[in-house]
Amino acid sequence: MKIKLVLAAIFASLLIVVTFMAMSKTSVAAKEISLPEILELPQAEIHVSEGYEAPLPESMAGSEPIPASQLVSNEQLVLEAMSLIEKAAQTFLVPGWLHIVSSTEDFFAESAVLPDGSPVPTGSMNESWILLDHEGFAVQIVTIDDTGDPRTTQTSVYQNGVWTNLSMGTSIQDTDKFRPTLDSNFVGLVTTYSGILEIEKADGALEGQSVSVYAITEMFKEPTSYAGSSEAVLGTVRKFYFSNETGVLLRLERYSIMTNGNLVLIRQIDTLLIERIEFLPSDVANLLSK
């Protein structure tokens, strides 16, 4: 079965991306959108401004708690989203090989450079092949994160419980069996941080497909600066675009909420292809023997 999907992020956690790319400031301009319009404004109307990514805090201590009435609303919206997530899982998270292609683009205001002075790539094509067993656990995985520059492109494999980055020659033993999901941690996020996250939903269309868009907002107790930026961030917003037809997550966007109330887009991940395949390409299979 083969479904081509233009847009969104799946298996971002599987793709071994260069860490400093995600956390550094790069030369691509950020995009800005006002907070009240986050769910309704067409993508073409987003305009340019400065921005950077504000990561979710490790605990709830730095974030504003939400009212009890919002918790009730959140629970209903999460149940609706989980029905879509389960629909995708029944189609794709079945025994055999799963092939996923996605693209990632980071939007920051200033320039980070490699040792030779060339700019750090801000975008990449991410490709994964995942072999699933009858319980939904990963048996083997191959991931390629192609930035267009061999110095920052990463190839990794997973087998026998070990993640190996072939590009860097490093390995990590995973003590637990790995069960892939298709929601880019939507469920984990809204359950772990349920006391500080506000969830909103809107219906829309994306590249001709009917979608349910879930916007997850976290507000900080105090303005916070990240990555050496002089601008403070009031909170974060994540937008998840789920296909109403297939349940597949078609797009993931991450925003910072600036002190003027505007949202700045700092990362976007789009799914280009998701399909079940019978056999690995020979060149990909060879990576598992390295």
Protein backbone atom coordinates (compact mmCIF):
# COMPACT_ATOMS: atom_id res chain seq x y z
CA MET A 1 0.00 0.00 0.00
CA LYS A 2 1.34 3.39 -0.99
CA ILE A 3 0.04 6.82 0.00
CA LYS A 4 1.84 9.98 -1.08
CA LEU A 5 1.40 12.80 1.42
CA VAL A 6 2.76 16.26 0.77
CA LEU A 7 3.41 17.75 4.27
CA ALA A 8 4.08 16.95 8.01
CA ALA A 9 6.22 15.07 10.39
CA ILE A 10 6.32 11.44 11.26
CA PHE A 11 9.06 9.55 12.98
CA ALA A 12 10.98 12.74 13.67
CA SER A 13 12.24 11.05 16.80
CA LEU A 14 13.72 8.25 14.72
CA LEU A 15 15.78 10.52 12.52
CA ILE A 16 19.22 11.22 14.01
CA VAL A 17 19.48 14.95 13.25
CA VAL A 18 22.60 17.01 13.87
CA THR A 19 22.02 18.50 17.33
CA PHE A 20 23.58 21.88 16.77
CA MET A 21 21.39 22.42 13.73
CA ALA A 22 18.27 22.32 15.86
CA MET A 23 19.59 24.52 18.66
CA SER A 24 21.74 27.06 16.83
CA LYS A 25 20.62 30.22 15.04
CA THR A 26 20.79 30.02 11.24
CA SER A 27 20.65 32.39 8.31
CA VAL A 28 17.10 31.66 7.19
CA ALA A 29 14.52 34.26 8.22
CA ALA A 30 11.72 33.11 10.55
CA LYS A 31 8.02 33.38 9.85
CA GLU A 32 5.55 35.28 12.02
CA ILE A 33 1.81 35.01 12.64
CA SER A 34 -0.38 36.68 15.26
CA LEU A 35 -1.57 34.48 18.13
CA PRO A 36 -5.35 34.79 17.59
CA GLU A 37 -4.94 33.71 13.97
CA ILE A 38 -2.86 30.57 14.60
CA LEU A 39 -5.66 28.15 13.73
CA GLU A 40 -7.39 30.03 10.91
CA LEU A 41 -4.82 32.01 8.92
CA PRO A 42 -3.90 30.47 5.55
CA GLN A 43 -0.26 29.39 5.30
CA ALA A 44 0.42 31.76 2.41
CA GLU A 45 -0.26 34.77 4.64
CA ILE A 46 2.49 34.01 7.16
CA HIS A 47 5.13 36.73 6.89
CA VAL A 48 8.75 37.18 7.89
CA SER A 49 10.23 38.11 11.26
CA GLU A 50 12.87 36.90 13.72
CA GLY A 51 12.61 33.79 15.86
CA TYR A 52 14.15 30.77 17.52
CA GLU A 53 12.98 27.57 19.14
CA ALA A 54 11.97 27.53 22.80
CA PRO A 55 12.09 23.93 24.06
CA LEU A 56 9.48 22.59 26.44
CA PRO A 57 10.71 22.77 30.09
CA GLU A 58 11.59 19.47 31.77
CA SER A 59 9.09 20.14 34.56
CA MET A 60 5.92 22.18 35.08
CA ALA A 61 7.64 24.57 37.47
CA GLY A 62 8.33 27.25 34.84
CA SER A 63 4.93 27.17 33.13
CA GLU A 64 1.51 28.57 33.93
CA PRO A 65 -1.05 25.94 35.01
CA ILE A 66 -4.29 25.84 33.04
CA PRO A 67 -7.77 26.09 34.65
CA ALA A 68 -9.77 22.96 35.45
CA SER A 69 -12.32 23.81 32.74
CA GLN A 70 -9.54 23.69 30.14
CA LEU A 71 -8.49 20.24 31.36
CA VAL A 72 -11.97 18.92 30.58
CA SER A 73 -11.87 20.43 27.09
CA ASN A 74 -8.38 19.04 26.55
CA GLU A 75 -9.47 15.51 27.43
CA GLN A 76 -12.24 15.55 24.83
CA LEU A 77 -9.97 16.89 22.11
CA VAL A 78 -7.27 14.32 22.92
CA LEU A 79 -9.81 11.50 22.57
CA GLU A 80 -10.80 12.84 19.14
CA ALA A 81 -7.16 13.05 18.06
CA MET A 82 -6.42 9.54 19.35
CA SER A 83 -9.14 8.11 17.11
CA LEU A 84 -7.29 9.53 14.10
CA ILE A 85 -3.93 8.34 15.41
CA GLU A 86 -5.33 4.82 15.86
CA LYS A 87 -6.68 4.84 12.30
CA ALA A 88 -3.18 5.49 10.95
CA ALA A 89 -1.66 2.87 13.26
CA GLN A 90 -4.02 0.16 12.01
CA THR A 91 -2.94 0.85 8.45
CA PHE A 92 0.80 1.33 8.84
CA LEU A 93 2.00 -0.05 12.19
CA VAL A 94 1.63 -3.66 11.10
CA PRO A 95 4.26 -6.43 10.70
CA GLY A 96 6.72 -5.79 7.88
CA TRP A 97 8.68 -2.88 6.46
CA LEU A 98 7.46 0.71 6.68
CA HIS A 99 9.06 3.43 4.54
CA ILE A 100 8.68 7.12 5.41
CA VAL A 101 10.11 10.24 3.77
CA SER A 102 9.80 13.67 5.37
CA SER A 103 11.40 17.09 5.13
CA THR A 104 12.52 19.39 7.94
CA GLU A 105 13.09 23.14 7.76
CA ASP A 106 14.39 25.34 10.59
CA PHE A 107 13.74 29.09 10.68
CA PHE A 108 16.08 31.26 12.75
CA ALA A 109 17.23 34.84 12.47
CA GLU A 110 21.03 34.82 12.62
CA SER A 111 23.82 32.77 11.10
CA ALA A 112 25.57 29.69 12.45
CA VAL A 113 28.52 28.45 10.44
CA LEU A 114 30.66 25.36 10.03
CA PRO A 115 34.42 25.51 10.80
CA ASP A 116 35.18 26.59 7.22
CA GLY A 117 32.76 29.53 7.47
CA SER A 118 29.98 27.99 5.34
CA PRO A 119 26.44 28.20 6.77
CA VAL A 120 24.95 25.29 8.66
CA PRO A 121 22.19 23.69 6.53
CA THR A 122 18.73 24.68 7.70
CA GLY A 123 16.79 21.98 5.90
CA SER A 124 17.03 18.25 5.37
CA MET A 125 15.34 15.30 3.70
CA ASN A 126 14.69 12.52 6.20
CA GLU A 127 14.13 8.92 5.11
CA SER A 128 13.41 5.91 7.36
CA TRP A 129 12.86 2.21 6.81
CA ILE A 130 11.37 0.43 9.86
CA LEU A 131 10.82 -3.33 10.25
CA LEU A 132 8.01 -4.04 12.73
CA ASP A 133 7.20 -7.32 14.46
CA HIS A 134 3.74 -8.68 15.31
CA GLU A 135 3.65 -6.72 18.58
CA GLY A 136 4.48 -3.39 16.95
CA PHE A 137 8.08 -3.27 18.16
CA ALA A 138 10.92 -2.23 15.85
CA VAL A 139 13.26 -5.03 14.82
CA GLN A 140 15.47 -3.06 12.44
CA ILE A 141 15.60 0.60 11.38
CA VAL A 142 17.64 2.54 8.85
CA THR A 143 17.44 6.35 8.87
CA ILE A 144 19.15 8.85 6.57
CA ASP A 145 19.02 12.57 7.35
CA ASP A 146 20.35 14.25 4.20
CA THR A 147 21.17 17.94 4.67
CA GLY A 148 22.77 18.23 1.24
CA ASP A 149 26.20 18.50 2.89
CA PRO A 150 28.21 15.32 3.63
CA ARG A 151 29.63 16.96 6.76
CA THR A 152 26.23 17.19 8.41
CA THR A 153 24.31 14.35 6.74
CA GLN A 154 23.68 11.49 9.17
CA THR A 155 23.00 7.76 8.58
CA SER A 156 21.93 5.57 11.49
CA VAL A 157 20.76 1.99 11.98
CA TYR A 158 18.96 0.14 14.76
CA GLN A 159 19.14 -3.61 15.32
CA ASN A 160 19.52 -6.00 18.25
CA GLY A 161 18.56 -3.14 20.56
CA VAL A 162 21.50 -0.96 19.49
CA TRP A 163 21.38 2.42 17.74
CA THR A 164 24.49 3.02 15.62
CA ASN A 165 25.30 6.33 13.96
CA LEU A 166 27.32 5.20 10.95
CA SER A 167 28.34 8.76 10.11
CA MET A 168 29.90 9.37 13.52
CA GLY A 169 30.89 5.81 14.41
CA THR A 170 29.01 5.82 17.72
CA SER A 171 26.57 3.31 19.25
CA ILE A 172 23.99 3.42 22.05
CA GLN A 173 22.39 0.37 23.66
CA ASP A 174 18.62 0.75 24.10
CA THR A 175 17.63 -1.05 27.31
CA ASP A 176 13.93 -1.19 26.34
CA LYS A 177 12.28 -2.51 23.22
CA PHE A 178 11.37 0.34 20.86
CA ARG A 179 7.75 0.76 19.73
CA PRO A 180 7.39 3.40 16.98
CA THR A 181 4.36 5.68 16.82
CA LEU A 182 2.94 7.90 14.09
CA ASP A 183 1.90 10.98 16.07
CA SER A 184 5.30 12.68 16.58
CA ASN A 185 4.77 12.43 20.36
CA PHE A 186 1.38 14.18 20.38
CA VAL A 187 -0.07 11.74 22.91
CA GLY A 188 3.05 11.73 25.07
CA LEU A 189 3.13 15.53 25.14
CA VAL A 190 -0.51 16.08 26.06
CA THR A 191 -0.52 13.38 28.75
CA THR A 192 2.81 14.20 30.40
CA TYR A 193 2.16 17.97 30.48
CA SER A 194 -1.64 17.97 30.71
CA GLY A 195 -1.62 20.51 33.56
CA ILE A 196 0.12 23.26 31.58
CA LEU A 197 -1.03 22.79 27.98
CA GLU A 198 -4.06 24.35 26.31
CA ILE A 199 -5.40 22.44 23.30
CA GLU A 200 -7.47 23.96 20.50
CA LYS A 201 -8.85 22.30 17.38
CA ALA A 202 -9.83 23.58 13.94
CA ASP A 203 -10.95 21.87 10.74
CA GLY A 204 -9.12 22.76 7.56
CA ALA A 205 -7.55 21.64 4.31
CA LEU A 206 -3.91 20.99 3.49
CA GLU A 207 -2.78 20.35 -0.08
CA GLY A 208 -6.33 19.34 -0.96
CA GLN A 209 -6.74 17.00 2.01
CA SER A 210 -9.24 17.45 4.82
CA VAL A 211 -7.38 17.83 8.11
CA SER A 212 -7.97 18.29 11.83
CA VAL A 213 -5.50 20.82 13.22
CA TYR A 214 -4.62 20.64 16.92
CA ALA A 215 -2.76 23.62 18.40
CA ILE A 216 -1.04 22.98 21.75
CA THR A 217 -0.07 26.10 23.69
CA GLU A 218 2.23 26.37 26.71
CA MET A 219 2.66 29.71 28.49
CA PHE A 220 5.69 30.36 30.71
CA LYS A 221 5.37 32.06 34.12
CA GLU A 222 8.19 34.43 33.18
CA PRO A 223 9.55 35.53 29.77
CA THR A 224 12.44 33.24 28.84
CA SER A 225 15.34 33.62 26.40
CA TYR A 226 16.98 30.72 24.57
CA ALA A 227 20.04 30.02 22.45
CA GLY A 228 21.69 33.31 23.39
CA SER A 229 18.93 35.40 21.83
CA SER A 230 18.20 38.87 23.20
CA GLU A 231 14.46 38.35 22.58
CA ALA A 232 12.30 36.80 25.30
CA VAL A 233 9.71 34.10 24.67
CA LEU A 234 6.37 33.95 26.49
CA GLY A 235 5.57 30.37 25.53
CA THR A 236 5.37 27.84 22.72
CA VAL A 237 2.77 26.56 20.27
CA ARG A 238 2.83 23.28 18.38
CA LYS A 239 0.42 22.64 15.50
CA PHE A 240 -0.37 19.04 14.48
CA TYR A 241 -2.16 18.47 11.15
CA PHE A 242 -3.88 15.05 11.03
CA SER A 243 -5.50 13.70 7.86
CA ASN A 244 -9.18 13.02 8.43
CA GLU A 245 -9.09 10.30 5.79
CA THR A 246 -6.02 8.30 6.86
CA GLY A 247 -5.28 9.59 10.38
CA VAL A 248 -1.69 10.25 9.33
CA LEU A 249 0.09 13.29 10.78
CA LEU A 250 0.67 15.43 7.71
CA ARG A 251 2.50 18.38 9.23
CA LEU A 252 4.09 19.50 12.49
CA GLU A 253 4.91 23.16 13.17
CA ARG A 254 6.61 24.66 16.22
CA TYR A 255 6.27 28.32 17.17
CA SER A 256 7.62 30.66 19.82
CA ILE A 257 5.22 33.19 21.36
CA MET A 258 6.98 36.56 21.40
CA THR A 259 6.44 39.41 23.87
CA ASN A 260 4.40 41.35 21.29
CA GLY A 261 1.91 38.46 21.12
CA ASN A 262 3.03 37.23 17.71
CA LEU A 263 3.94 33.64 16.92
CA VAL A 264 7.23 32.94 15.17
CA LEU A 265 7.54 29.71 13.20
CA ILE A 266 10.83 28.06 14.12
CA ARG A 267 10.49 24.53 12.70
CA GLN A 268 8.28 22.75 10.17
CA ILE A 269 8.34 19.03 9.33
CA ASP A 270 6.37 17.68 6.36
CA THR A 271 5.66 14.11 5.34
CA LEU A 272 6.38 13.49 1.67
CA LEU A 273 5.70 9.76 1.55
CA ILE A 274 4.51 6.92 3.77
CA GLU A 275 4.17 3.38 2.43
CA ARG A 276 4.44 -0.27 3.37
CA ILE A 277 7.02 -2.18 1.34
CA GLU A 278 7.89 -5.86 1.01
CA PHE A 279 11.67 -5.63 0.68
CA LEU A 280 14.43 -3.15 1.46
CA PRO A 281 16.36 -1.58 -1.44
CA SER A 282 19.69 -3.40 -1.71
CA ASP A 283 21.77 -0.31 -0.92
CA VAL A 284 19.73 0.31 2.24
CA ALA A 285 19.95 -3.35 3.28
CA ASN A 286 23.73 -3.16 2.96
CA LEU A 287 23.83 -0.47 5.65
CA LEU A 288 22.57 -3.00 8.21
CA SER A 289 25.69 -5.11 7.70
CA LYS A 290 28.14 -2.27 8.36
